[in-house]
Amino acid sequence: MNKEIWTEEDAFLLKQLREAMGLDTVALAIQNALSNAQIQQLENGGHTSFYSPAIKAQAGRRLLQKLQAPKS
């Protein structure tokens, strides 16, 4: 997995995890200091809301890590 590229598989996983937690894109955005447009682009493609594809990938990976973290 190339950490510089946000893949369709990453996008699918993010959407699955978000939905499993019962969150909409707005709630996830607010909780993570991102815009709704950025969450939508992470899940559905596009990159105009990010400075670069690498920053998009970094933001997406942070979200995946947070959503996959065990709850205490």
PDB file of N, CA and C in Angstrom:
ATOM      1  N   MET A   1       0.841  -1.176   0.000  1.00  0.00           N
ATOM      2  CA  MET A   1       0.000   0.000   0.000  1.00  0.00           C
ATOM      3  C   MET A   1       0.887   1.240   0.000  1.00  0.00           C
ATOM      4  N   ASN A   2       0.684   2.069  -0.977  1.00  0.00           N
ATOM      5  CA  ASN A   2       1.430   3.319  -1.087  1.00  0.00           C
ATOM      6  C   ASN A   2       0.744   4.380  -0.235  1.00  0.00           C
ATOM      7  N   LYS A   3       1.452   4.906   0.749  1.00  0.00           N
ATOM      8  CA  LYS A   3       0.857   5.879   1.663  1.00  0.00           C
ATOM      9  C   LYS A   3       0.659   7.244   1.019  1.00  0.00           C
ATOM     10  N   GLU A   4       1.212   7.443  -0.174  1.00  0.00           N
ATOM     11  CA  GLU A   4       1.056   8.722  -0.870  1.00  0.00           C
ATOM     12  C   GLU A   4      -0.212   8.754  -1.717  1.00  0.00           C
ATOM     13  N   ILE A   5      -0.867   7.605  -1.875  1.00  0.00           N
ATOM     14  CA  ILE A   5      -2.030   7.511  -2.754  1.00  0.00           C
ATOM     15  C   ILE A   5      -3.238   7.029  -1.962  1.00  0.00           C
ATOM     16  N   TRP A   6      -4.352   7.698  -2.122  1.00  0.00           N
ATOM     17  CA  TRP A   6      -5.616   7.295  -1.518  1.00  0.00           C
ATOM     18  C   TRP A   6      -6.359   6.463  -2.554  1.00  0.00           C
ATOM     19  N   THR A   7      -6.599   5.196  -2.257  1.00  0.00           N
ATOM     20  CA  THR A   7      -7.172   4.267  -3.229  1.00  0.00           C
ATOM     21  C   THR A   7      -8.686   4.135  -3.079  1.00  0.00           C
ATOM     22  N   GLU A   8      -9.307   3.507  -4.070  1.00  0.00           N
ATOM     23  CA  GLU A   8     -10.742   3.222  -3.995  1.00  0.00           C
ATOM     24  C   GLU A   8     -11.039   2.297  -2.825  1.00  0.00           C
ATOM     25  N   GLU A   9     -10.120   1.378  -2.548  1.00  0.00           N
ATOM     26  CA  GLU A   9     -10.294   0.463  -1.414  1.00  0.00           C
ATOM     27  C   GLU A   9     -10.285   1.238  -0.094  1.00  0.00           C
ATOM     28  N   ASP A  10      -9.383   2.219   0.010  1.00  0.00           N
ATOM     29  CA  ASP A  10      -9.348   3.069   1.203  1.00  0.00           C
ATOM     30  C   ASP A  10     -10.678   3.809   1.360  1.00  0.00           C
ATOM     31  N   ALA A  11     -11.171   4.345   0.262  1.00  0.00           N
ATOM     32  CA  ALA A  11     -12.424   5.102   0.279  1.00  0.00           C
ATOM     33  C   ALA A  11     -13.584   4.221   0.728  1.00  0.00           C
ATOM     34  N   PHE A  12     -13.639   3.002   0.198  1.00  0.00           N
ATOM     35  CA  PHE A  12     -14.700   2.065   0.553  1.00  0.00           C
ATOM     36  C   PHE A  12     -14.644   1.726   2.041  1.00  0.00           C
ATOM     37  N   LEU A  13     -13.441   1.464   2.545  1.00  0.00           N
ATOM     38  CA  LEU A  13     -13.267   1.135   3.958  1.00  0.00           C
ATOM     39  C   LEU A  13     -13.688   2.304   4.849  1.00  0.00           C
ATOM     40  N   LEU A  14     -13.297   3.508   4.488  1.00  0.00           N
ATOM     41  CA  LEU A  14     -13.675   4.685   5.272  1.00  0.00           C
ATOM     42  C   LEU A  14     -15.192   4.809   5.355  1.00  0.00           C
ATOM     43  N   LYS A  15     -15.855   4.659   4.226  1.00  0.00           N
ATOM     44  CA  LYS A  15     -17.317   4.775   4.209  1.00  0.00           C
ATOM     45  C   LYS A  15     -17.957   3.677   5.054  1.00  0.00           C
ATOM     46  N   GLN A  16     -17.455   2.451   4.948  1.00  0.00           N
ATOM     47  CA  GLN A  16     -17.989   1.343   5.749  1.00  0.00           C
ATOM     48  C   GLN A  16     -17.844   1.625   7.242  1.00  0.00           C
ATOM     49  N   LEU A  17     -16.668   2.056   7.652  1.00  0.00           N
ATOM     50  CA  LEU A  17     -16.423   2.334   9.063  1.00  0.00           C
ATOM     51  C   LEU A  17     -17.297   3.479   9.570  1.00  0.00           C
ATOM     52  N   ARG A  18     -17.408   4.522   8.764  1.00  0.00           N
ATOM     53  CA  ARG A  18     -18.246   5.668   9.155  1.00  0.00           C
ATOM     54  C   ARG A  18     -19.692   5.231   9.341  1.00  0.00           C
ATOM     55  N   GLU A  19     -20.218   4.491   8.375  1.00  0.00           N
ATOM     56  CA  GLU A  19     -21.606   4.048   8.456  1.00  0.00           C
ATOM     57  C   GLU A  19     -21.816   3.088   9.625  1.00  0.00           C
ATOM     58  N   ALA A  20     -20.847   2.218   9.895  1.00  0.00           N
ATOM     59  CA  ALA A  20     -20.949   1.280  11.018  1.00  0.00           C
ATOM     60  C   ALA A  20     -21.025   2.017  12.353  1.00  0.00           C
ATOM     61  N   MET A  21     -20.422   3.198  12.408  1.00  0.00           N
ATOM     62  CA  MET A  21     -20.462   4.004  13.634  1.00  0.00           C
ATOM     63  C   MET A  21     -21.716   4.881  13.696  1.00  0.00           C
ATOM     64  N   GLY A  22     -22.525   4.831  12.648  1.00  0.00           N
ATOM     65  CA  GLY A  22     -23.754   5.613  12.626  1.00  0.00           C
ATOM     66  C   GLY A  22     -23.537   7.097  12.406  1.00  0.00           C
ATOM     67  N   LEU A  23     -22.434   7.451  11.754  1.00  0.00           N
ATOM     68  CA  LEU A  23     -22.112   8.860  11.512  1.00  0.00           C
ATOM     69  C   LEU A  23     -22.426   9.249  10.077  1.00  0.00           C
ATOM     70  N   ASP A  24     -22.884  10.482   9.891  1.00  0.00           N
ATOM     71  CA  ASP A  24     -22.976  11.006   8.534  1.00  0.00           C
ATOM     72  C   ASP A  24     -21.685  11.769   8.235  1.00  0.00           C
ATOM     73  N   THR A  25     -21.531  12.205   7.006  1.00  0.00           N
ATOM     74  CA  THR A  25     -20.278  12.864   6.623  1.00  0.00           C
ATOM     75  C   THR A  25     -20.070  14.177   7.373  1.00  0.00           C
ATOM     76  N   VAL A  26     -21.150  14.876   7.679  1.00  0.00           N
ATOM     77  CA  VAL A  26     -21.034  16.147   8.404  1.00  0.00           C
ATOM     78  C   VAL A  26     -20.497  15.907   9.812  1.00  0.00           C
ATOM     79  N   ALA A  27     -21.051  14.920  10.505  1.00  0.00           N
ATOM     80  CA  ALA A  27     -20.599  14.622  11.871  1.00  0.00           C
ATOM     81  C   ALA A  27     -19.136  14.200  11.880  1.00  0.00           C
ATOM     82  N   LEU A  28     -18.754  13.346  10.938  1.00  0.00           N
ATOM     83  CA  LEU A  28     -17.360  12.902  10.873  1.00  0.00           C
ATOM     84  C   LEU A  28     -16.434  14.084  10.594  1.00  0.00           C
ATOM     85  N   ALA A  29     -16.859  14.967   9.709  1.00  0.00           N
ATOM     86  CA  ALA A  29     -16.056  16.150   9.390  1.00  0.00           C
ATOM     87  C   ALA A  29     -15.860  17.029  10.625  1.00  0.00           C
ATOM     88  N   ILE A  30     -16.939  17.302  11.326  1.00  0.00           N
ATOM     89  CA  ILE A  30     -16.861  18.167  12.508  1.00  0.00           C
ATOM     90  C   ILE A  30     -15.952  17.558  13.564  1.00  0.00           C
ATOM     91  N   GLN A  31     -16.082  16.266  13.801  1.00  0.00           N
ATOM     92  CA  GLN A  31     -15.287  15.591  14.829  1.00  0.00           C
ATOM     93  C   GLN A  31     -13.798  15.563  14.501  1.00  0.00           C
ATOM     94  N   ASN A  32     -13.458  15.775  13.228  1.00  0.00           N
ATOM     95  CA  ASN A  32     -12.065  15.633  12.814  1.00  0.00           C
ATOM     96  C   ASN A  32     -11.483  16.881  12.166  1.00  0.00           C
ATOM     97  N   ALA A  33     -12.127  18.025  12.373  1.00  0.00           N
ATOM     98  CA  ALA A  33     -11.643  19.308  11.858  1.00  0.00           C
ATOM     99  C   ALA A  33     -11.396  19.284  10.351  1.00  0.00           C
ATOM    100  N   LEU A  34     -12.311  18.639   9.643  1.00  0.00           N
ATOM    101  CA  LEU A  34     -12.282  18.619   8.185  1.00  0.00           C
ATOM    102  C   LEU A  34     -13.598  19.197   7.684  1.00  0.00           C
ATOM    103  N   SER A  35     -13.659  19.492   6.404  1.00  0.00           N
ATOM    104  CA  SER A  35     -14.919  19.962   5.836  1.00  0.00           C
ATOM    105  C   SER A  35     -15.726  18.768   5.335  1.00  0.00           C
ATOM    106  N   ASN A  36     -17.027  18.979   5.208  1.00  0.00           N
ATOM    107  CA  ASN A  36     -17.878  17.939   4.648  1.00  0.00           C
ATOM    108  C   ASN A  36     -17.409  17.585   3.235  1.00  0.00           C
ATOM    109  N   ALA A  37     -17.005  18.586   2.466  1.00  0.00           N
ATOM    110  CA  ALA A  37     -16.513  18.338   1.105  1.00  0.00           C
ATOM    111  C   ALA A  37     -15.288  17.426   1.117  1.00  0.00           C
ATOM    112  N   GLN A  38     -14.406  17.607   2.090  1.00  0.00           N
ATOM    113  CA  GLN A  38     -13.219  16.751   2.176  1.00  0.00           C
ATOM    114  C   GLN A  38     -13.608  15.308   2.482  1.00  0.00           C
ATOM    115  N   ILE A  39     -14.538  15.110   3.405  1.00  0.00           N
ATOM    116  CA  ILE A  39     -14.987  13.745   3.709  1.00  0.00           C
ATOM    117  C   ILE A  39     -15.615  13.125   2.466  1.00  0.00           C
ATOM    118  N   GLN A  40     -16.448  13.876   1.775  1.00  0.00           N
ATOM    119  CA  GLN A  40     -17.087  13.353   0.567  1.00  0.00           C
ATOM    120  C   GLN A  40     -16.053  13.002  -0.499  1.00  0.00           C
ATOM    121  N   GLN A  41     -15.007  13.812  -0.636  1.00  0.00           N
ATOM    122  CA  GLN A  41     -13.972  13.501  -1.623  1.00  0.00           C
ATOM    123  C   GLN A  41     -13.140  12.300  -1.196  1.00  0.00           C
ATOM    124  N   LEU A  42     -12.941  12.119   0.088  1.00  0.00           N
ATOM    125  CA  LEU A  42     -12.237  10.921   0.551  1.00  0.00           C
ATOM    126  C   LEU A  42     -13.041   9.667   0.214  1.00  0.00           C
ATOM    127  N   GLU A  43     -14.354   9.747   0.329  1.00  0.00           N
ATOM    128  CA  GLU A  43     -15.198   8.580   0.076  1.00  0.00           C
ATOM    129  C   GLU A  43     -15.548   8.386  -1.395  1.00  0.00           C
ATOM    130  N   ASN A  44     -15.653   9.472  -2.146  1.00  0.00           N
ATOM    131  CA  ASN A  44     -16.200   9.377  -3.502  1.00  0.00           C
ATOM    132  C   ASN A  44     -15.266   9.819  -4.617  1.00  0.00           C
ATOM    133  N   GLY A  45     -14.080  10.258  -4.270  1.00  0.00           N
ATOM    134  CA  GLY A  45     -13.148  10.714  -5.294  1.00  0.00           C
ATOM    135  C   GLY A  45     -13.092  12.226  -5.371  1.00  0.00           C
ATOM    136  N   GLY A  46     -12.104  12.693  -6.083  1.00  0.00           N
ATOM    137  CA  GLY A  46     -11.864  14.126  -6.193  1.00  0.00           C
ATOM    138  C   GLY A  46     -10.778  14.541  -5.231  1.00  0.00           C
ATOM    139  N   HIS A  47     -10.187  15.679  -5.489  1.00  0.00           N
ATOM    140  CA  HIS A  47      -9.106  16.146  -4.622  1.00  0.00           C
ATOM    141  C   HIS A  47      -9.037  17.672  -4.521  1.00  0.00           C
ATOM    142  N   THR A  48     -10.014  18.367  -5.058  1.00  0.00           N
ATOM    143  CA  THR A  48      -9.942  19.825  -5.084  1.00  0.00           C
ATOM    144  C   THR A  48     -10.037  20.460  -3.699  1.00  0.00           C
ATOM    145  N   SER A  49     -10.525  19.731  -2.713  1.00  0.00           N
ATOM    146  CA  SER A  49     -10.623  20.271  -1.350  1.00  0.00           C
ATOM    147  C   SER A  49      -9.343  20.079  -0.547  1.00  0.00           C
ATOM    148  N   PHE A  50      -8.345  19.458  -1.156  1.00  0.00           N
ATOM    149  CA  PHE A  50      -7.060  19.217  -0.504  1.00  0.00           C
ATOM    150  C   PHE A  50      -5.961  19.928  -1.288  1.00  0.00           C
ATOM    151  N   TYR A  51      -4.881  20.300  -0.598  1.00  0.00           N
ATOM    152  CA  TYR A  51      -3.763  20.972  -1.266  1.00  0.00           C
ATOM    153  C   TYR A  51      -3.066  20.059  -2.259  1.00  0.00           C
ATOM    154  N   SER A  52      -3.032  18.756  -1.956  1.00  0.00           N
ATOM    155  CA  SER A  52      -2.369  17.803  -2.846  1.00  0.00           C
ATOM    156  C   SER A  52      -2.924  16.408  -2.587  1.00  0.00           C
ATOM    157  N   PRO A  53      -2.729  15.482  -3.533  1.00  0.00           N
ATOM    158  CA  PRO A  53      -3.146  14.096  -3.299  1.00  0.00           C
ATOM    159  C   PRO A  53      -2.459  13.473  -2.079  1.00  0.00           C
ATOM    160  N   ALA A  54      -1.227  13.867  -1.808  1.00  0.00           N
ATOM    161  CA  ALA A  54      -0.513  13.317  -0.643  1.00  0.00           C
ATOM    162  C   ALA A  54      -1.173  13.765   0.658  1.00  0.00           C
ATOM    163  N   ILE A  55      -1.627  15.004   0.718  1.00  0.00           N
ATOM    164  CA  ILE A  55      -2.305  15.496   1.920  1.00  0.00           C
ATOM    165  C   ILE A  55      -3.661  14.813   2.069  1.00  0.00           C
ATOM    166  N   LYS A  56      -4.336  14.574   0.955  1.00  0.00           N
ATOM    167  CA  LYS A  56      -5.594  13.829   0.995  1.00  0.00           C
ATOM    168  C   LYS A  56      -5.357  12.442   1.575  1.00  0.00           C
ATOM    169  N   ALA A  57      -4.325  11.761   1.104  1.00  0.00           N
ATOM    170  CA  ALA A  57      -4.012  10.419   1.603  1.00  0.00           C
ATOM    171  C   ALA A  57      -3.681  10.452   3.088  1.00  0.00           C
ATOM    172  N   GLN A  58      -2.921  11.444   3.509  1.00  0.00           N
ATOM    173  CA  GLN A  58      -2.551  11.565   4.922  1.00  0.00           C
ATOM    174  C   GLN A  58      -3.797  11.773   5.790  1.00  0.00           C
ATOM    175  N   ALA A  59      -4.688  12.641   5.368  1.00  0.00           N
ATOM    176  CA  ALA A  59      -5.918  12.891   6.128  1.00  0.00           C
ATOM    177  C   ALA A  59      -6.779  11.634   6.185  1.00  0.00           C
ATOM    178  N   GLY A  60      -6.870  10.959   5.067  1.00  0.00           N
ATOM    179  CA  GLY A  60      -7.664   9.730   5.024  1.00  0.00           C
ATOM    180  C   GLY A  60      -7.105   8.643   5.920  1.00  0.00           C
ATOM    181  N   ARG A  61      -5.803   8.478   5.916  1.00  0.00           N
ATOM    182  CA  ARG A  61      -5.177   7.449   6.767  1.00  0.00           C
ATOM    183  C   ARG A  61      -5.383   7.760   8.253  1.00  0.00           C
ATOM    184  N   ARG A  62      -5.312   9.030   8.603  1.00  0.00           N
ATOM    185  CA  ARG A  62      -5.572   9.407  10.005  1.00  0.00           C
ATOM    186  C   ARG A  62      -7.004   9.048  10.398  1.00  0.00           C
ATOM    187  N   LEU A  63      -7.949   9.300   9.501  1.00  0.00           N
ATOM    188  CA  LEU A  63      -9.337   8.943   9.794  1.00  0.00           C
ATOM    189  C   LEU A  63      -9.493   7.435   9.938  1.00  0.00           C
ATOM    190  N   LEU A  64      -8.881   6.681   9.032  1.00  0.00           N
ATOM    191  CA  LEU A  64      -8.975   5.224   9.127  1.00  0.00           C
ATOM    192  C   LEU A  64      -8.410   4.727  10.446  1.00  0.00           C
ATOM    193  N   GLN A  65      -7.267   5.253  10.848  1.00  0.00           N
ATOM    194  CA  GLN A  65      -6.667   4.840  12.121  1.00  0.00           C
ATOM    195  C   GLN A  65      -7.593   5.166  13.286  1.00  0.00           C
ATOM    196  N   LYS A  66      -8.174   6.342  13.258  1.00  0.00           N
ATOM    197  CA  LYS A  66      -9.061   6.754  14.347  1.00  0.00           C
ATOM    198  C   LYS A  66     -10.308   5.877  14.405  1.00  0.00           C
ATOM    199  N   LEU A  67     -10.898   5.599  13.257  1.00  0.00           N
ATOM    200  CA  LEU A  67     -12.128   4.808  13.229  1.00  0.00           C
ATOM    201  C   LEU A  67     -11.880   3.339  13.557  1.00  0.00           C
ATOM    202  N   GLN A  68     -10.673   2.853  13.319  1.00  0.00           N
ATOM    203  CA  GLN A  68     -10.351   1.455  13.595  1.00  0.00           C
ATOM    204  C   GLN A  68      -9.779   1.254  14.994  1.00  0.00           C
ATOM    205  N   ALA A  69      -9.524   2.325  15.711  1.00  0.00           N
ATOM    206  CA  ALA A  69      -8.930   2.216  17.050  1.00  0.00           C
ATOM    207  C   ALA A  69      -9.924   1.554  18.002  1.00  0.00           C
ATOM    208  N   PRO A  70      -9.430   0.644  18.841  1.00  0.00           N
ATOM    209  CA  PRO A  70     -10.334   0.010  19.812  1.00  0.00           C
ATOM    210  C   PRO A  70     -10.867   1.038  20.805  1.00  0.00           C
ATOM    211  N   LYS A  71     -12.133   0.922  21.109  1.00  0.00           N
ATOM    212  CA  LYS A  71     -12.767   1.838  22.066  1.00  0.00           C
ATOM    213  C   LYS A  71     -12.555   1.302  23.474  1.00  0.00           C
ATOM    214  N   SER A  72     -12.160   2.177  24.388  1.00  0.00           N
ATOM    215  CA  SER A  72     -11.934   1.735  25.771  1.00  0.00           C
ATOM    216  C   SER A  72     -13.132   2.035  26.643  1.00  0.00           C
TER     217      SER A  72
END
